Amino acid sequence: MVSSVIKNIWLRLIALGMVLLVFSVAVSAQQLYPMRKYDKWGYIDESGRWVIKPQYQMAMDFHDGLAMVKDTYQGGEVWDFINEKGQKVIQSEYFGFGAFIKLYDYKVSVKPHDHFSEGLIPVTIQILDPTYKGAGISGFLNKEGQLEIYGYYDKVYNFSDGLARVEKNGKSGYINRDGDYAIPPIFRGGGTFANGLAPVLDEATGKWGYVDKKGQFVIQPQFSKAREFANGVAAVWKDFKWGYIMPDGSMAVPLQFRSADSFSNGFAFVTTESDAFFIDRHGNKVFDNDLYDKLCHTRSFTNGAALMSVSPENRACNSYRLAEEVILEDTNLLMYLNTDGKIIYRQELEEYYTINKIRRP
């Protein structure tokens, strides 16, 4: 019965094909960035011009020409996919709370922070039949709306460098585009592949190291924490300090930081005991010092720009956490910085007072 249920999932999901055909369009050369105006989100371009007017409760980054936005529908909150013209690709009636695509007796769950990578997006298949007692099913949808890969996984992650991490029974492994295990689930944790290497948490030592696509350690387990390679280096934590290593395991930037994000577009955000700033690949602080005076937190650079939260008029930050998601809920002033260190857009001070209901001094 279980095998027939899985086979039927593919047939049911064919119905998505007509809806998701727009996924196959080429990605525009224009870069769009989510930005808030007062309490609504829209999208600006590289010059700071509004391309999609502010109208959403929340907006995510574009990937492969599509972005997820939170909207209102019949008195509730729903997530939709829009294209770069602001048109809804998948109508609201396909979604419920948590971004579900409902198909007959199944729900295909897509999380707001998931996105297409190498032509696939990770999904969770939820069987609505209350009599079904089988294991959880997860997989990947392609841009034609077909369930290309599926299996009894607890969780699946984006494809990168031709492999995707999957979790099963509390262990991490990696599958290829055929859905076959390239590396069986034997690690306590893991990250995505880049430069032919992936960080994994070794069961025996309790330390992080890096394996190749055969699951063999290239950089032996020795780190308390480790991130994926990006821009040719990887952030690692050892002896209570963060630094960056090369693919051969040598240090690119010495261990010295309190926290360190992965590099993106040539820059990474780091903190020390008393400071927070972006660095280049050599570990040098970049951009004007005045930029950091009122900085509360920032996202990594994406498509050539970084979304930042700043505190106006020496007021205390509403949040000091450095996380990709936190900034979307922030009520400080938001701005975008490009890779030249120039501010391409900054919210007006009046928006801060309106959002926080603060009387102007």
Protein backbone atom coordinates (compact mmCIF):
# COMPACT_ATOMS: atom_id res chain seq x y z
CA MET A 1 0.00 0.00 0.00
CA VAL A 2 2.81 2.40 0.92
CA SER A 3 4.52 1.95 -2.45
CA SER A 4 1.28 2.65 -4.29
CA VAL A 5 0.76 5.80 -2.23
CA ILE A 6 4.19 7.11 -3.24
CA LYS A 7 3.59 6.27 -6.90
CA ASN A 8 0.30 8.12 -6.78
CA ILE A 9 2.00 11.23 -5.40
CA TRP A 10 3.85 11.71 -8.66
CA LEU A 11 0.63 11.39 -10.62
CA ARG A 12 -1.17 13.85 -8.38
CA LEU A 13 1.62 16.43 -8.61
CA ILE A 14 1.51 16.42 -12.41
CA ALA A 15 -1.44 18.76 -11.88
CA LEU A 16 1.04 21.39 -10.78
CA GLY A 17 2.69 21.37 -14.20
CA MET A 18 0.39 23.94 -15.82
CA VAL A 19 0.56 26.18 -12.76
CA LEU A 20 4.34 26.10 -12.45
CA LEU A 21 5.29 26.39 -16.12
CA VAL A 22 6.28 29.98 -15.43
CA PHE A 23 9.16 28.62 -13.32
CA SER A 24 11.00 27.82 -16.53
CA VAL A 25 11.33 31.44 -17.65
CA ALA A 26 14.80 32.92 -17.77
CA VAL A 27 15.95 34.95 -14.80
CA SER A 28 15.97 38.64 -15.53
CA ALA A 29 19.26 40.51 -15.49
CA GLN A 30 17.60 43.04 -13.18
CA GLN A 31 18.21 42.41 -9.51
CA LEU A 32 15.29 42.95 -7.15
CA TYR A 33 15.57 43.30 -3.38
CA PRO A 34 12.81 43.04 -0.75
CA MET A 35 12.29 46.30 1.15
CA ARG A 36 9.75 47.65 3.62
CA LYS A 37 7.94 50.97 3.42
CA TYR A 38 6.10 51.68 6.63
CA ASP A 39 4.45 48.31 7.39
CA LYS A 40 4.34 46.89 3.84
CA TRP A 41 6.97 45.09 1.78
CA GLY A 42 7.78 45.42 -1.92
CA TYR A 43 10.86 45.27 -4.15
CA ILE A 44 13.44 47.83 -5.26
CA ASP A 45 16.12 47.57 -7.95
CA GLU A 46 19.87 48.34 -7.80
CA SER A 47 19.20 52.07 -8.01
CA GLY A 48 16.71 52.06 -5.13
CA ARG A 49 13.71 52.51 -7.42
CA TRP A 50 10.49 50.74 -6.48
CA VAL A 51 9.74 48.07 -9.10
CA ILE A 52 7.03 46.19 -7.17
CA LYS A 53 5.16 48.59 -4.91
CA PRO A 54 4.95 47.89 -1.15
CA GLN A 55 1.87 45.75 -0.58
CA TYR A 56 2.88 42.55 1.23
CA GLN A 57 3.10 41.55 4.89
CA MET A 58 6.56 40.12 4.21
CA ALA A 59 8.74 39.46 1.17
CA MET A 60 11.60 37.04 0.52
CA ASP A 61 14.53 37.13 -1.92
CA PHE A 62 14.11 36.21 -5.57
CA HIS A 63 15.59 32.91 -6.76
CA ASP A 64 15.27 31.70 -10.33
CA GLY A 65 12.91 34.58 -11.07
CA LEU A 66 10.43 33.82 -8.27
CA ALA A 67 9.95 35.03 -4.70
CA MET A 68 7.64 34.09 -1.86
CA VAL A 69 5.53 36.85 -0.31
CA LYS A 70 3.13 36.84 2.61
CA ASP A 71 -0.27 38.29 1.74
CA THR A 72 -3.78 38.36 3.15
CA TYR A 73 -6.56 36.13 1.84
CA GLN A 74 -10.09 35.76 3.18
CA GLY A 75 -9.10 37.27 6.50
CA GLY A 76 -6.01 35.10 6.97
CA GLU A 77 -2.33 35.14 6.05
CA VAL A 78 -1.08 33.16 3.06
CA TRP A 79 2.15 32.77 1.13
CA ASP A 80 2.26 33.21 -2.65
CA PHE A 81 4.89 32.91 -5.36
CA ILE A 82 5.29 36.03 -7.51
CA ASN A 83 7.42 36.71 -10.56
CA GLU A 84 9.58 39.79 -11.17
CA LYS A 85 6.58 41.69 -12.52
CA GLY A 86 4.75 41.19 -9.24
CA GLN A 87 2.28 38.76 -10.77
CA LYS A 88 1.06 35.85 -8.68
CA VAL A 89 2.32 32.62 -10.16
CA ILE A 90 0.45 30.34 -7.79
CA GLN A 91 -2.84 31.76 -6.57
CA SER A 92 -3.64 32.09 -2.90
CA GLU A 93 -6.23 29.33 -2.87
CA TYR A 94 -3.42 26.81 -3.26
CA PHE A 95 -1.94 27.85 0.05
CA GLY A 96 -2.79 27.67 3.71
CA PHE A 97 -0.86 28.69 6.79
CA GLY A 98 2.77 27.69 6.36
CA ALA A 99 2.72 27.71 2.55
CA PHE A 100 0.97 24.47 1.65
CA ILE A 101 0.05 23.39 -1.86
CA LYS A 102 -2.99 21.17 -1.52
CA LEU A 103 -3.52 18.44 -4.08
CA TYR A 104 -6.33 15.99 -3.53
CA ASP A 105 -5.29 13.85 -0.54
CA TYR A 106 -1.83 15.40 -0.24
CA LYS A 107 -0.26 18.64 0.84
CA VAL A 108 3.09 19.72 -0.53
CA SER A 109 4.71 21.92 2.09
CA VAL A 110 7.13 24.64 0.96
CA LYS A 111 8.80 26.70 3.67
CA PRO A 112 9.13 30.46 3.11
CA HIS A 113 12.93 30.35 3.36
CA ASP A 114 13.26 27.46 0.89
CA HIS A 115 14.00 28.25 -2.72
CA PHE A 116 14.96 26.69 -6.02
CA SER A 117 18.56 25.58 -6.40
CA GLU A 118 19.92 23.66 -9.38
CA GLY A 119 16.37 23.45 -10.71
CA LEU A 120 14.80 21.83 -7.64
CA ILE A 121 13.11 22.97 -4.44
CA PRO A 122 12.83 20.82 -1.28
CA VAL A 123 9.30 19.88 -0.21
CA THR A 124 7.59 17.82 2.46
CA ILE A 125 4.72 15.54 1.39
CA GLN A 126 1.94 15.35 3.92
CA ILE A 127 -0.65 12.63 3.34
CA LEU A 128 -4.03 13.81 4.59
CA ASP A 129 -5.55 10.33 4.80
CA PRO A 130 -5.83 9.75 8.60
CA THR A 131 -5.46 6.00 8.08
CA TYR A 132 -1.96 6.40 6.65
CA LYS A 133 0.57 5.34 9.30
CA GLY A 134 3.68 5.21 7.14
CA ALA A 135 6.91 7.15 7.50
CA GLY A 136 7.29 10.78 6.50
CA ILE A 137 7.94 11.49 2.84
CA SER A 138 10.08 14.36 1.55
CA GLY A 139 11.53 15.16 -1.83
CA PHE A 140 12.10 17.74 -4.55
CA LEU A 141 9.88 19.41 -7.10
CA ASN A 142 11.32 20.48 -10.43
CA LYS A 143 10.27 23.59 -12.31
CA GLU A 144 7.61 21.69 -14.22
CA GLY A 145 5.87 20.86 -10.95
CA GLN A 146 6.83 17.20 -11.01
CA LEU A 147 8.03 15.34 -7.96
CA GLU A 148 11.41 14.43 -9.35
CA ILE A 149 12.95 12.86 -6.24
CA TYR A 150 11.15 11.51 -3.16
CA GLY A 151 11.76 9.08 -0.35
CA TYR A 152 11.33 8.32 3.34
CA TYR A 153 13.41 11.23 4.59
CA ASP A 154 12.86 13.20 7.77
CA LYS A 155 14.06 16.35 6.04
CA VAL A 156 15.71 17.40 2.78
CA TYR A 157 17.84 20.42 1.91
CA ASN A 158 18.75 22.29 -1.27
CA PHE A 159 20.93 20.76 -3.93
CA SER A 160 24.39 22.26 -4.17
CA ASP A 161 27.36 21.07 -6.19
CA GLY A 162 25.20 18.21 -7.49
CA LEU A 163 24.30 16.70 -4.09
CA ALA A 164 21.62 17.36 -1.48
CA ARG A 165 21.77 16.68 2.23
CA VAL A 166 18.99 14.52 3.64
CA GLU A 167 18.19 13.55 7.21
CA LYS A 168 16.93 10.14 8.20
CA ASN A 169 16.63 8.71 11.71
CA GLY A 170 18.64 11.60 13.10
CA LYS A 171 21.59 11.15 10.74
CA SER A 172 22.72 13.14 7.71
CA GLY A 173 23.70 11.79 4.30
CA TYR A 174 23.74 12.99 0.70
CA ILE A 175 21.83 11.98 -2.41
CA ASN A 176 22.45 12.68 -6.11
CA ARG A 177 20.02 13.81 -8.79
CA ASP A 178 18.90 10.22 -9.33
CA GLY A 179 17.82 10.03 -5.70
CA ASP A 180 20.54 7.50 -4.89
CA TYR A 181 22.76 7.83 -1.86
CA ALA A 182 26.17 9.23 -2.75
CA ILE A 183 26.97 9.21 0.96
CA PRO A 184 24.75 7.17 3.33
CA PRO A 185 23.27 8.87 6.42
CA ILE A 186 26.08 8.23 8.90
CA PHE A 187 26.88 11.71 10.24
CA ARG A 188 25.36 13.50 13.22
CA GLY A 189 25.03 16.68 11.18
CA GLY A 190 26.08 18.26 7.94
CA GLY A 191 26.02 21.20 5.56
CA THR A 192 25.84 21.72 1.83
CA PHE A 193 28.54 20.89 -0.70
CA ALA A 194 30.69 23.57 -2.35
CA ASN A 195 34.12 23.27 -3.91
CA GLY A 196 33.61 19.51 -3.73
CA LEU A 197 33.54 19.56 0.09
CA ALA A 198 30.87 19.58 2.78
CA PRO A 199 31.09 20.12 6.54
CA VAL A 200 29.92 17.11 8.57
CA LEU A 201 29.71 16.30 12.28
CA ASP A 202 31.69 13.16 12.98
CA GLU A 203 29.95 10.58 15.20
CA ALA A 204 33.13 9.25 16.79
CA THR A 205 34.87 12.49 17.71
CA GLY A 206 31.96 14.90 18.06
CA LYS A 207 33.92 17.35 15.91
CA TRP A 208 33.29 18.91 12.52
CA GLY A 209 35.42 18.18 9.48
CA TYR A 210 35.01 18.22 5.71
CA VAL A 211 34.34 15.26 3.42
CA ASP A 212 34.51 14.84 -0.36
CA LYS A 213 31.69 13.47 -2.49
CA LYS A 214 32.67 9.91 -1.56
CA GLY A 215 32.24 10.65 2.14
CA GLN A 216 35.97 10.53 2.84
CA PHE A 217 37.46 13.12 5.20
CA VAL A 218 39.67 15.59 3.38
CA ILE A 219 39.91 17.93 6.37
CA GLN A 220 39.91 15.86 9.53
CA PRO A 221 37.33 16.47 12.30
CA GLN A 222 38.76 19.15 14.58
CA PHE A 223 36.32 22.04 14.72
CA SER A 224 33.57 22.76 17.25
CA LYS A 225 31.51 24.39 14.49
CA ALA A 226 31.94 24.66 10.73
CA ARG A 227 30.11 26.34 7.87
CA GLU A 228 29.96 25.54 4.17
CA PHE A 229 32.58 26.80 1.74
CA ALA A 230 31.61 30.03 0.01
CA ASN A 231 33.77 32.24 -2.18
CA GLY A 232 36.53 29.66 -1.72
CA VAL A 233 36.74 29.73 2.09
CA ALA A 234 34.78 28.31 5.03
CA ALA A 235 34.13 29.76 8.49
CA VAL A 236 35.20 27.46 11.37
CA TRP A 237 35.06 27.73 15.16
CA LYS A 238 37.88 26.36 17.25
CA ASP A 239 39.25 27.28 20.68
CA PHE A 240 36.27 29.62 21.11
CA LYS A 241 37.17 31.77 18.11
CA TRP A 242 36.04 31.96 14.49
CA GLY A 243 38.28 32.13 11.44
CA TYR A 244 38.32 30.95 7.83
CA ILE A 245 40.04 28.00 6.16
CA MET A 246 41.03 27.12 2.61
CA PRO A 247 39.92 23.87 0.88
CA ASP A 248 43.27 22.31 1.85
CA GLY A 249 42.59 23.02 5.52
CA SER A 250 45.09 25.86 5.88
CA MET A 251 44.00 29.10 7.52
CA ALA A 252 42.88 31.85 5.17
CA VAL A 253 41.95 34.25 7.98
CA PRO A 254 43.27 33.43 11.49
CA LEU A 255 40.96 32.48 14.35
CA GLN A 256 40.07 35.78 15.99
CA PHE A 257 36.33 36.57 15.75
CA ARG A 258 33.49 36.19 18.20
CA SER A 259 31.15 35.31 15.34
CA ALA A 260 31.60 34.95 11.59
CA ASP A 261 29.14 34.54 8.72
CA SER A 262 29.93 32.83 5.45
CA PHE A 263 31.36 34.90 2.62
CA SER A 264 29.02 36.12 -0.08
CA ASN A 265 29.79 38.44 -2.98
CA GLY A 266 33.34 38.71 -1.62
CA PHE A 267 32.46 39.88 1.90
CA ALA A 268 31.60 38.36 5.29
CA PHE A 269 30.15 39.92 8.42
CA VAL A 270 32.08 39.31 11.65
CA THR A 271 32.00 40.47 15.24
CA THR A 272 34.63 40.90 17.93
CA GLU A 273 34.16 41.61 21.63
CA SER A 274 33.68 45.30 20.91
CA ASP A 275 32.98 45.70 17.19
CA ALA A 276 31.04 44.38 14.19
CA PHE A 277 31.95 44.87 10.54
CA PHE A 278 32.40 43.35 7.08
CA ILE A 279 35.73 41.88 6.01
CA ASP A 280 37.24 40.94 2.67
CA ARG A 281 38.89 37.62 1.80
CA HIS A 282 42.10 38.76 3.50
CA GLY A 283 40.35 39.53 6.78
CA ASN A 284 40.58 43.29 6.34
CA LYS A 285 37.79 45.54 7.55
CA VAL A 286 35.96 47.18 4.66
CA PHE A 287 33.59 50.11 4.14
CA ASP A 288 33.39 53.41 5.98
CA ASN A 289 33.55 53.23 9.77
CA ASP A 290 30.56 55.58 10.03
CA LEU A 291 28.44 52.82 8.51
CA TYR A 292 28.82 50.65 11.61
CA ASP A 293 28.16 53.28 14.30
CA LYS A 294 24.42 52.67 14.41
CA LEU A 295 24.30 49.19 12.91
CA CYS A 296 22.02 46.76 14.75
CA HIS A 297 22.40 43.78 12.44
CA THR A 298 22.72 42.79 8.82
CA ARG A 299 22.03 40.03 6.37
CA SER A 300 24.72 38.61 4.13
CA PHE A 301 25.20 40.11 0.69
CA THR A 302 22.74 38.64 -1.80
CA ASN A 303 22.83 39.45 -5.49
CA GLY A 304 25.19 42.33 -4.84
CA ALA A 305 23.51 44.05 -1.88
CA ALA A 306 23.15 43.56 1.88
CA LEU A 307 20.01 44.40 3.87
CA MET A 308 20.91 46.22 7.09
CA SER A 309 19.10 47.40 10.19
CA VAL A 310 20.26 50.67 11.76
CA SER A 311 19.22 52.52 14.90
CA PRO A 312 18.14 56.12 14.32
CA GLU A 313 19.16 59.08 16.46
CA ASN A 314 21.21 57.05 18.95
CA ARG A 315 18.22 55.01 20.07
CA ALA A 316 18.83 51.48 21.33
CA CYS A 317 18.56 48.64 18.84
CA ASN A 318 15.35 46.62 18.94
CA SER A 319 17.37 43.50 18.20
CA TYR A 320 21.06 42.64 18.28
CA ARG A 321 20.83 39.18 16.75
CA LEU A 322 22.72 38.58 13.54
CA ALA A 323 20.39 36.24 11.68
CA GLU A 324 19.01 36.09 8.17
CA GLU A 325 15.38 35.88 9.29
CA VAL A 326 15.34 38.25 12.27
CA ILE A 327 15.82 41.39 10.21
CA LEU A 328 12.51 40.85 8.41
CA GLU A 329 10.67 41.40 11.69
CA ASP A 330 12.85 44.31 12.77
CA THR A 331 11.30 47.73 13.43
CA ASN A 332 14.52 49.71 13.13
CA LEU A 333 15.35 51.57 9.93
CA LEU A 334 16.28 49.31 7.04
CA MET A 335 18.72 50.10 4.24
CA TYR A 336 20.62 48.38 1.44
CA LEU A 337 24.36 48.57 0.93
CA ASN A 338 25.97 47.53 -2.36
CA THR A 339 29.40 45.95 -2.77
CA ASP A 340 30.95 49.38 -3.46
CA GLY A 341 29.96 50.45 0.05
CA LYS A 342 27.25 52.79 -1.20
CA ILE A 343 23.77 52.99 0.28
CA ILE A 344 21.28 52.39 -2.52
CA TYR A 345 18.16 52.79 -0.38
CA ARG A 346 17.36 53.87 3.17
CA GLN A 347 14.00 54.14 4.89
CA GLU A 348 12.82 57.57 5.90
CA LEU A 349 13.00 58.50 9.59
CA GLU A 350 9.27 59.21 9.57
CA GLU A 351 8.67 55.50 8.88
CA TYR A 352 10.51 54.57 12.08
CA TYR A 353 8.30 56.81 14.20
CA THR A 354 5.15 55.58 12.50
CA ILE A 355 6.00 51.86 12.80
CA ASN A 356 7.04 52.16 16.44
CA LYS A 357 4.34 54.73 17.31
CA ILE A 358 6.97 57.05 18.76
CA ARG A 359 6.36 60.79 19.11
CA ARG A 360 8.91 62.80 17.21
CA PRO A 361 11.21 64.78 19.53
